[in-house]
């Protein structure tokens, strides 16, 4: 049983690192952007434009965060 638990934990850790990576805020923003896009589509609104704008905003946020962090160190 111990080997199975270790494997499950390693599997979960891999996916956490793969999806969340260095910044959990970007991962949460992507989830929120997908949810808003789905809500717009469900409401029969044109939704194609929202996700690219959200990705652009998240990339800008991530880049500015990295630059600020690099200046501090």
N, C-alpha and C. Protein backbone atom coordinates (compact mmCIF):
# COMPACT_ATOMS: atom_id res chain seq x y z
N UNK A 1 0.83 -1.20 0.00
CA UNK A 1 0.00 0.00 0.00
C UNK A 1 0.87 1.26 0.00
N UNK A 2 2.01 1.20 0.69
CA UNK A 2 2.87 2.37 0.77
C UNK A 2 3.39 2.79 -0.60
N UNK A 3 3.71 1.83 -1.45
CA UNK A 3 4.17 2.16 -2.80
C UNK A 3 3.09 2.84 -3.62
N UNK A 4 1.84 2.39 -3.46
CA UNK A 4 0.72 3.00 -4.18
C UNK A 4 0.49 4.43 -3.73
N UNK A 5 0.57 4.66 -2.44
CA UNK A 5 0.38 6.01 -1.90
C UNK A 5 1.49 6.94 -2.40
N UNK A 6 2.72 6.42 -2.40
CA UNK A 6 3.85 7.22 -2.89
C UNK A 6 3.67 7.55 -4.37
N UNK A 7 3.18 6.57 -5.16
CA UNK A 7 2.96 6.80 -6.58
C UNK A 7 1.87 7.85 -6.80
N UNK A 8 0.78 7.75 -6.04
CA UNK A 8 -0.31 8.72 -6.18
C UNK A 8 0.17 10.12 -5.80
N UNK A 9 0.96 10.22 -4.74
CA UNK A 9 1.48 11.51 -4.32
C UNK A 9 2.41 12.09 -5.39
N UNK A 10 3.28 11.26 -5.95
CA UNK A 10 4.18 11.71 -7.00
C UNK A 10 3.40 12.15 -8.24
N UNK A 11 2.36 11.41 -8.58
CA UNK A 11 1.52 11.76 -9.73
C UNK A 11 0.84 13.10 -9.50
N UNK A 12 0.28 13.29 -8.31
CA UNK A 12 -0.36 14.56 -7.98
C UNK A 12 0.62 15.72 -7.96
N UNK A 13 1.81 15.49 -7.44
CA UNK A 13 2.83 16.53 -7.40
C UNK A 13 3.26 16.92 -8.81
N UNK A 14 3.41 15.93 -9.69
CA UNK A 14 3.76 16.23 -11.07
C UNK A 14 2.72 17.15 -11.71
N UNK A 15 1.45 16.79 -11.57
CA UNK A 15 0.40 17.60 -12.21
C UNK A 15 0.29 18.97 -11.58
N UNK A 16 0.50 19.07 -10.28
CA UNK A 16 0.48 20.39 -9.62
C UNK A 16 1.60 21.25 -10.19
N UNK A 17 2.81 20.71 -10.28
CA UNK A 17 3.94 21.47 -10.83
C UNK A 17 3.72 21.80 -12.30
N UNK A 18 3.14 20.87 -13.05
CA UNK A 18 2.92 21.09 -14.48
C UNK A 18 1.87 22.17 -14.72
N UNK A 19 0.78 22.15 -13.99
CA UNK A 19 -0.32 23.09 -14.22
C UNK A 19 -0.06 24.43 -13.54
N UNK A 20 0.31 24.39 -12.28
CA UNK A 20 0.48 25.63 -11.53
C UNK A 20 1.85 26.24 -11.82
N UNK A 21 2.88 25.43 -11.84
CA UNK A 21 4.21 25.94 -12.15
C UNK A 21 4.73 26.90 -11.09
N UNK A 22 5.26 28.02 -11.53
CA UNK A 22 5.87 28.98 -10.62
C UNK A 22 4.87 29.97 -10.02
N UNK A 23 3.76 30.20 -10.69
CA UNK A 23 2.84 31.23 -10.24
C UNK A 23 1.40 30.72 -10.23
N UNK A 24 0.87 30.51 -9.06
CA UNK A 24 -0.49 29.98 -8.94
C UNK A 24 -1.51 31.00 -9.43
N UNK A 25 -1.15 32.29 -9.40
CA UNK A 25 -2.11 33.32 -9.84
C UNK A 25 -2.38 33.23 -11.33
N UNK A 26 -1.37 32.90 -12.12
CA UNK A 26 -1.57 32.73 -13.56
C UNK A 26 -2.45 31.51 -13.83
N UNK A 27 -2.20 30.42 -13.11
CA UNK A 27 -3.03 29.22 -13.28
C UNK A 27 -4.48 29.52 -12.91
N UNK A 28 -4.69 30.25 -11.82
CA UNK A 28 -6.05 30.61 -11.42
C UNK A 28 -6.69 31.55 -12.45
N UNK A 29 -5.89 32.44 -13.02
CA UNK A 29 -6.40 33.33 -14.06
C UNK A 29 -6.82 32.58 -15.31
N UNK A 30 -6.08 31.57 -15.68
CA UNK A 30 -6.44 30.75 -16.85
C UNK A 30 -7.75 30.02 -16.59
N UNK A 31 -7.89 29.45 -15.39
CA UNK A 31 -9.13 28.76 -15.04
C UNK A 31 -10.30 29.74 -15.08
N UNK A 32 -10.10 30.93 -14.53
CA UNK A 32 -11.16 31.94 -14.53
C UNK A 32 -11.50 32.38 -15.95
N UNK A 33 -10.49 32.55 -16.79
CA UNK A 33 -10.74 32.97 -18.18
C UNK A 33 -11.52 31.91 -18.95
N UNK A 34 -11.18 30.65 -18.73
CA UNK A 34 -11.94 29.58 -19.38
C UNK A 34 -13.37 29.56 -18.88
N UNK A 35 -13.56 29.79 -17.59
CA UNK A 35 -14.92 29.81 -17.02
C UNK A 35 -15.74 30.97 -17.60
N UNK A 36 -15.13 32.14 -17.72
CA UNK A 36 -15.85 33.29 -18.28
C UNK A 36 -16.18 33.04 -19.74
N UNK A 37 -15.24 32.48 -20.48
CA UNK A 37 -15.49 32.15 -21.89
C UNK A 37 -16.64 31.15 -22.02
N UNK A 38 -16.64 30.15 -21.16
CA UNK A 38 -17.73 29.17 -21.19
C UNK A 38 -19.07 29.82 -20.83
N UNK A 39 -19.05 30.71 -19.86
CA UNK A 39 -20.29 31.40 -19.46
C UNK A 39 -20.81 32.28 -20.59
N UNK A 40 -19.90 32.98 -21.27
CA UNK A 40 -20.33 33.80 -22.41
C UNK A 40 -20.91 32.94 -23.53
N UNK A 41 -20.27 31.84 -23.81
CA UNK A 41 -20.77 30.94 -24.86
C UNK A 41 -22.11 30.34 -24.47
N UNK A 42 -22.25 29.99 -23.20
CA UNK A 42 -23.51 29.42 -22.71
C UNK A 42 -24.65 30.43 -22.79
N UNK A 43 -24.32 31.72 -22.65
CA UNK A 43 -25.32 32.77 -22.73
C UNK A 43 -25.56 33.21 -24.18
N UNK A 44 -25.05 32.43 -25.12
CA UNK A 44 -25.20 32.71 -26.55
C UNK A 44 -24.61 34.07 -26.95
N UNK A 45 -23.50 34.42 -26.31
CA UNK A 45 -22.76 35.63 -26.66
C UNK A 45 -21.52 35.21 -27.44
N UNK A 46 -21.00 36.13 -28.22
CA UNK A 46 -19.77 35.87 -28.93
C UNK A 46 -18.64 35.81 -27.90
N UNK A 47 -17.97 34.67 -27.82
CA UNK A 47 -17.01 34.46 -26.75
C UNK A 47 -15.58 34.28 -27.24
N UNK A 48 -15.34 34.21 -28.53
CA UNK A 48 -14.02 33.87 -29.04
C UNK A 48 -12.97 34.90 -28.66
N UNK A 49 -13.35 36.14 -28.48
CA UNK A 49 -12.42 37.22 -28.24
C UNK A 49 -11.90 37.28 -26.81
N UNK A 50 -12.64 36.70 -25.87
CA UNK A 50 -12.27 36.87 -24.46
C UNK A 50 -11.00 36.13 -24.08
N UNK A 51 -10.86 34.90 -24.50
CA UNK A 51 -9.71 34.10 -24.10
C UNK A 51 -8.37 34.67 -24.60
N UNK A 52 -8.25 35.10 -25.85
CA UNK A 52 -6.97 35.71 -26.26
C UNK A 52 -6.63 36.97 -25.46
N UNK A 53 -7.63 37.78 -25.15
CA UNK A 53 -7.37 38.98 -24.34
C UNK A 53 -6.95 38.61 -22.92
N UNK A 54 -7.57 37.60 -22.37
CA UNK A 54 -7.22 37.15 -21.02
C UNK A 54 -5.80 36.60 -21.01
N UNK A 55 -5.42 35.83 -22.02
CA UNK A 55 -4.07 35.29 -22.09
C UNK A 55 -3.06 36.43 -22.22
N UNK A 56 -3.36 37.41 -23.03
CA UNK A 56 -2.47 38.57 -23.17
C UNK A 56 -2.32 39.29 -21.83
N UNK A 57 -3.42 39.49 -21.13
CA UNK A 57 -3.36 40.15 -19.81
C UNK A 57 -2.57 39.32 -18.80
N UNK A 58 -2.78 38.01 -18.80
CA UNK A 58 -2.06 37.15 -17.87
C UNK A 58 -0.56 37.11 -18.19
N UNK A 59 -0.21 37.06 -19.45
CA UNK A 59 1.20 37.09 -19.82
C UNK A 59 1.85 38.41 -19.43
N UNK A 60 1.14 39.51 -19.61
CA UNK A 60 1.66 40.81 -19.20
C UNK A 60 1.86 40.86 -17.70
N UNK A 61 0.86 40.38 -16.96
CA UNK A 61 0.97 40.33 -15.50
C UNK A 61 2.16 39.48 -15.06
N UNK A 62 2.33 38.33 -15.67
CA UNK A 62 3.42 37.43 -15.32
C UNK A 62 4.78 38.07 -15.63
N UNK A 63 4.89 38.70 -16.78
CA UNK A 63 6.14 39.35 -17.16
C UNK A 63 6.47 40.49 -16.20
N UNK A 64 5.49 41.33 -15.89
CA UNK A 64 5.74 42.45 -14.98
C UNK A 64 6.11 41.95 -13.58
N UNK A 65 5.48 40.88 -13.15
CA UNK A 65 5.83 40.28 -11.86
C UNK A 65 7.27 39.79 -11.85
N UNK A 66 7.68 39.15 -12.91
CA UNK A 66 9.05 38.65 -13.01
C UNK A 66 10.06 39.78 -13.03
N UNK A 67 9.75 40.83 -13.76
CA UNK A 67 10.66 41.96 -13.84
C UNK A 67 10.78 42.62 -12.47
N UNK A 68 9.66 42.80 -11.78
CA UNK A 68 9.70 43.39 -10.43
C UNK A 68 10.52 42.52 -9.49
N UNK A 69 10.34 41.21 -9.58
CA UNK A 69 11.10 40.30 -8.73
C UNK A 69 12.59 40.33 -9.03
N UNK A 70 12.94 40.47 -10.30
CA UNK A 70 14.35 40.52 -10.69
C UNK A 70 15.00 41.82 -10.21
N UNK A 71 14.26 42.90 -10.21
CA UNK A 71 14.81 44.17 -9.75
C UNK A 71 15.07 44.17 -8.25
N UNK A 72 14.27 43.44 -7.49
CA UNK A 72 14.45 43.38 -6.05
C UNK A 72 15.70 42.61 -5.66
N UNK A 73 16.06 41.62 -6.47
CA UNK A 73 17.20 40.79 -6.07
C UNK A 73 18.50 41.23 -6.66
